Amino acid sequence: RQKNVRLDVSIMLVNMIQSLGFYINYYHSQKTQIVVFNNFTLFLIINYC
């Protein structure tokens, strides 16, 4: 049950970070930034799951 809570929190964080990344990417119109954010979310998923 503890692991499920942690998974929910990490998914929530990933969603927040991704939407932030998309916003930053849209605002600056640079494709590189979204790649960095996606790699960072992958890193988070691997560490917390």
PDB file of N, CA and C in Angstrom:
ATOM      1  N   ARG A   1       0.831  -1.212   0.000  1.00  0.00           N
ATOM      2  CA  ARG A   1       0.000   0.000   0.000  1.00  0.00           C
ATOM      3  C   ARG A   1       0.868   1.266   0.000  1.00  0.00           C
ATOM      4  N   GLN A   2       1.944   1.219   0.741  1.00  0.00           N
ATOM      5  CA  GLN A   2       2.873   2.358   0.774  1.00  0.00           C
ATOM      6  C   GLN A   2       3.447   2.631  -0.626  1.00  0.00           C
ATOM      7  N   LYS A   3       3.772   1.535  -1.327  1.00  0.00           N
ATOM      8  CA  LYS A   3       4.341   1.683  -2.663  1.00  0.00           C
ATOM      9  C   LYS A   3       3.330   2.293  -3.637  1.00  0.00           C
ATOM     10  N   ASN A   4       2.059   1.944  -3.470  1.00  0.00           N
ATOM     11  CA  ASN A   4       1.019   2.533  -4.314  1.00  0.00           C
ATOM     12  C   ASN A   4       0.904   4.039  -4.128  1.00  0.00           C
ATOM     13  N   VAL A   5       0.969   4.468  -2.883  1.00  0.00           N
ATOM     14  CA  VAL A   5       0.918   5.905  -2.591  1.00  0.00           C
ATOM     15  C   VAL A   5       2.090   6.615  -3.258  1.00  0.00           C
ATOM     16  N   ARG A   6       3.266   6.023  -3.154  1.00  0.00           N
ATOM     17  CA  ARG A   6       4.463   6.599  -3.746  1.00  0.00           C
ATOM     18  C   ARG A   6       4.334   6.681  -5.270  1.00  0.00           C
ATOM     19  N   LEU A   7       3.750   5.631  -5.844  1.00  0.00           N
ATOM     20  CA  LEU A   7       3.541   5.593  -7.290  1.00  0.00           C
ATOM     21  C   LEU A   7       2.579   6.697  -7.723  1.00  0.00           C
ATOM     22  N   ASP A   8       1.499   6.879  -6.972  1.00  0.00           N
ATOM     23  CA  ASP A   8       0.528   7.935  -7.281  1.00  0.00           C
ATOM     24  C   ASP A   8       1.185   9.311  -7.239  1.00  0.00           C
ATOM     25  N   VAL A   9       1.980   9.538  -6.215  1.00  0.00           N
ATOM     26  CA  VAL A   9       2.662  10.823  -6.069  1.00  0.00           C
ATOM     27  C   VAL A   9       3.634  11.049  -7.223  1.00  0.00           C
ATOM     28  N   SER A  10       4.376  10.008  -7.600  1.00  0.00           N
ATOM     29  CA  SER A  10       5.341  10.159  -8.685  1.00  0.00           C
ATOM     30  C   SER A  10       4.644  10.408 -10.014  1.00  0.00           C
ATOM     31  N   ILE A  11       3.498   9.749 -10.233  1.00  0.00           N
ATOM     32  CA  ILE A  11       2.727   9.984 -11.461  1.00  0.00           C
ATOM     33  C   ILE A  11       2.218  11.423 -11.497  1.00  0.00           C
ATOM     34  N   MET A  12       1.744  11.909 -10.346  1.00  0.00           N
ATOM     35  CA  MET A  12       1.271  13.282 -10.245  1.00  0.00           C
ATOM     36  C   MET A  12       2.402  14.268 -10.564  1.00  0.00           C
ATOM     37  N   LEU A  13       3.581  14.004  -9.987  1.00  0.00           N
ATOM     38  CA  LEU A  13       4.744  14.848 -10.244  1.00  0.00           C
ATOM     39  C   LEU A  13       5.126  14.841 -11.714  1.00  0.00           C
ATOM     40  N   VAL A  14       5.130  13.647 -12.303  1.00  0.00           N
ATOM     41  CA  VAL A  14       5.472  13.507 -13.719  1.00  0.00           C
ATOM     42  C   VAL A  14       4.506  14.314 -14.576  1.00  0.00           C
ATOM     43  N   ASN A  15       3.214  14.228 -14.282  1.00  0.00           N
ATOM     44  CA  ASN A  15       2.221  14.989 -15.043  1.00  0.00           C
ATOM     45  C   ASN A  15       2.443  16.486 -14.911  1.00  0.00           C
ATOM     46  N   MET A  16       2.737  16.941 -13.696  1.00  0.00           N
ATOM     47  CA  MET A  16       3.004  18.356 -13.465  1.00  0.00           C
ATOM     48  C   MET A  16       4.232  18.822 -14.237  1.00  0.00           C
ATOM     49  N   ILE A  17       5.301  18.037 -14.150  1.00  0.00           N
ATOM     50  CA  ILE A  17       6.551  18.401 -14.815  1.00  0.00           C
ATOM     51  C   ILE A  17       6.385  18.400 -16.332  1.00  0.00           C
ATOM     52  N   GLN A  18       5.644  17.405 -16.842  1.00  0.00           N
ATOM     53  CA  GLN A  18       5.429  17.347 -18.279  1.00  0.00           C
ATOM     54  C   GLN A  18       4.617  18.531 -18.778  1.00  0.00           C
ATOM     55  N   SER A  19       3.553  18.886 -18.052  1.00  0.00           N
ATOM     56  CA  SER A  19       2.747  20.028 -18.487  1.00  0.00           C
ATOM     57  C   SER A  19       3.560  21.319 -18.401  1.00  0.00           C
ATOM     58  N   LEU A  20       4.398  21.427 -17.376  1.00  0.00           N
ATOM     59  CA  LEU A  20       5.302  22.566 -17.268  1.00  0.00           C
ATOM     60  C   LEU A  20       6.266  22.597 -18.449  1.00  0.00           C
ATOM     61  N   GLY A  21       6.780  21.437 -18.789  1.00  0.00           N
ATOM     62  CA  GLY A  21       7.693  21.322 -19.934  1.00  0.00           C
ATOM     63  C   GLY A  21       7.036  21.730 -21.241  1.00  0.00           C
ATOM     64  N   PHE A  22       5.787  21.283 -21.430  1.00  0.00           N
ATOM     65  CA  PHE A  22       5.073  21.655 -22.645  1.00  0.00           C
ATOM     66  C   PHE A  22       4.816  23.160 -22.687  1.00  0.00           C
ATOM     67  N   TYR A  23       4.493  23.736 -21.535  1.00  0.00           N
ATOM     68  CA  TYR A  23       4.271  25.179 -21.462  1.00  0.00           C
ATOM     69  C   TYR A  23       5.541  25.949 -21.810  1.00  0.00           C
ATOM     70  N   ILE A  24       6.656  25.533 -21.218  1.00  0.00           N
ATOM     71  CA  ILE A  24       7.942  26.186 -21.492  1.00  0.00           C
ATOM     72  C   ILE A  24       8.300  26.036 -22.968  1.00  0.00           C
ATOM     73  N   ASN A  25       8.074  24.829 -23.497  1.00  0.00           N
ATOM     74  CA  ASN A  25       8.362  24.563 -24.896  1.00  0.00           C
ATOM     75  C   ASN A  25       7.515  25.448 -25.807  1.00  0.00           C
ATOM     76  N   TYR A  26       6.250  25.583 -25.473  1.00  0.00           N
ATOM     77  CA  TYR A  26       5.341  26.425 -26.261  1.00  0.00           C
ATOM     78  C   TYR A  26       5.771  27.895 -26.186  1.00  0.00           C
ATOM     79  N   TYR A  27       6.130  28.309 -24.982  1.00  0.00           N
ATOM     80  CA  TYR A  27       6.475  29.709 -24.744  1.00  0.00           C
ATOM     81  C   TYR A  27       7.746  30.105 -25.495  1.00  0.00           C
ATOM     82  N   HIS A  28       8.723  29.228 -25.517  1.00  0.00           N
ATOM     83  CA  HIS A  28      10.004  29.527 -26.160  1.00  0.00           C
ATOM     84  C   HIS A  28      10.100  29.003 -27.591  1.00  0.00           C
ATOM     85  N   SER A  29       9.151  28.157 -27.996  1.00  0.00           N
ATOM     86  CA  SER A  29       9.168  27.487 -29.302  1.00  0.00           C
ATOM     87  C   SER A  29      10.501  26.813 -29.590  1.00  0.00           C
ATOM     88  N   GLN A  30      10.984  26.058 -28.632  1.00  0.00           N
ATOM     89  CA  GLN A  30      12.215  25.304 -28.839  1.00  0.00           C
ATOM     90  C   GLN A  30      11.926  23.837 -28.581  1.00  0.00           C
ATOM     91  N   LYS A  31      12.321  22.994 -29.532  1.00  0.00           N
ATOM     92  CA  LYS A  31      12.029  21.574 -29.396  1.00  0.00           C
ATOM     93  C   LYS A  31      12.971  20.887 -28.412  1.00  0.00           C
ATOM     94  N   THR A  32      14.128  21.445 -28.174  1.00  0.00           N
ATOM     95  CA  THR A  32      15.112  20.794 -27.308  1.00  0.00           C
ATOM     96  C   THR A  32      14.622  20.710 -25.868  1.00  0.00           C
ATOM     97  N   GLN A  33      13.859  21.727 -25.450  1.00  0.00           N
ATOM     98  CA  GLN A  33      13.437  21.782 -24.057  1.00  0.00           C
ATOM     99  C   GLN A  33      12.499  20.634 -23.688  1.00  0.00           C
ATOM    100  N   ILE A  34      11.633  20.256 -24.637  1.00  0.00           N
ATOM    101  CA  ILE A  34      10.679  19.181 -24.356  1.00  0.00           C
ATOM    102  C   ILE A  34      11.421  17.852 -24.212  1.00  0.00           C
ATOM    103  N   VAL A  35      12.460  17.660 -24.979  1.00  0.00           N
ATOM    104  CA  VAL A  35      13.257  16.438 -24.888  1.00  0.00           C
ATOM    105  C   VAL A  35      13.899  16.338 -23.509  1.00  0.00           C
ATOM    106  N   VAL A  36      14.446  17.446 -23.039  1.00  0.00           N
ATOM    107  CA  VAL A  36      15.064  17.488 -21.716  1.00  0.00           C
ATOM    108  C   VAL A  36      14.044  17.134 -20.640  1.00  0.00           C
ATOM    109  N   PHE A  37      12.849  17.717 -20.739  1.00  0.00           N
ATOM    110  CA  PHE A  37      11.810  17.441 -19.747  1.00  0.00           C
ATOM    111  C   PHE A  37      11.362  15.996 -19.787  1.00  0.00           C
ATOM    112  N   ASN A  38      11.231  15.432 -20.999  1.00  0.00           N
ATOM    113  CA  ASN A  38      10.827  14.034 -21.101  1.00  0.00           C
ATOM    114  C   ASN A  38      11.892  13.107 -20.533  1.00  0.00           C
ATOM    115  N   ASN A  39      13.153  13.419 -20.768  1.00  0.00           N
ATOM    116  CA  ASN A  39      14.228  12.615 -20.188  1.00  0.00           C
ATOM    117  C   ASN A  39      14.217  12.706 -18.667  1.00  0.00           C
ATOM    118  N   PHE A  40      13.922  13.879 -18.157  1.00  0.00           N
ATOM    119  CA  PHE A  40      13.867  14.090 -16.721  1.00  0.00           C
ATOM    120  C   PHE A  40      12.717  13.301 -16.091  1.00  0.00           C
ATOM    121  N   THR A  41      11.561  13.273 -16.783  1.00  0.00           N
ATOM    122  CA  THR A  41      10.423  12.510 -16.264  1.00  0.00           C
ATOM    123  C   THR A  41      10.727  11.024 -16.287  1.00  0.00           C
ATOM    124  N   LEU A  42      11.396  10.553 -17.328  1.00  0.00           N
ATOM    125  CA  LEU A  42      11.814   9.149 -17.386  1.00  0.00           C
ATOM    126  C   LEU A  42      12.739   8.830 -16.213  1.00  0.00           C
ATOM    127  N   PHE A  43      13.666   9.724 -15.956  1.00  0.00           N
ATOM    128  CA  PHE A  43      14.585   9.580 -14.833  1.00  0.00           C
ATOM    129  C   PHE A  43      13.822   9.470 -13.514  1.00  0.00           C
ATOM    130  N   LEU A  44      12.814  10.335 -13.338  1.00  0.00           N
ATOM    131  CA  LEU A  44      11.977  10.287 -12.131  1.00  0.00           C
ATOM    132  C   LEU A  44      11.239   8.967 -12.005  1.00  0.00           C
ATOM    133  N   ILE A  45      10.649   8.520 -13.116  1.00  0.00           N
ATOM    134  CA  ILE A  45       9.891   7.263 -13.089  1.00  0.00           C
ATOM    135  C   ILE A  45      10.798   6.102 -12.697  1.00  0.00           C
ATOM    136  N   ILE A  46      11.979   6.057 -13.290  1.00  0.00           N
ATOM    137  CA  ILE A  46      12.914   4.962 -13.000  1.00  0.00           C
ATOM    138  C   ILE A  46      13.336   4.985 -11.533  1.00  0.00           C
ATOM    139  N   ASN A  47      13.559   6.172 -10.988  1.00  0.00           N
ATOM    140  CA  ASN A  47      14.008   6.267  -9.597  1.00  0.00           C
ATOM    141  C   ASN A  47      12.935   5.973  -8.574  1.00  0.00           C
ATOM    142  N   TYR A  48      11.711   6.412  -8.830  1.00  0.00           N
ATOM    143  CA  TYR A  48      10.678   6.333  -7.798  1.00  0.00           C
ATOM    144  C   TYR A  48       9.775   5.107  -7.893  1.00  0.00           C
ATOM    145  N   CYS A  49       9.829   4.387  -9.015  1.00  0.00           N
ATOM    146  CA  CYS A  49       8.952   3.225  -9.144  1.00  0.00           C
ATOM    147  C   CYS A  49       9.706   1.930  -8.827  1.00  0.00           C
TER     148      CYS A  49
END
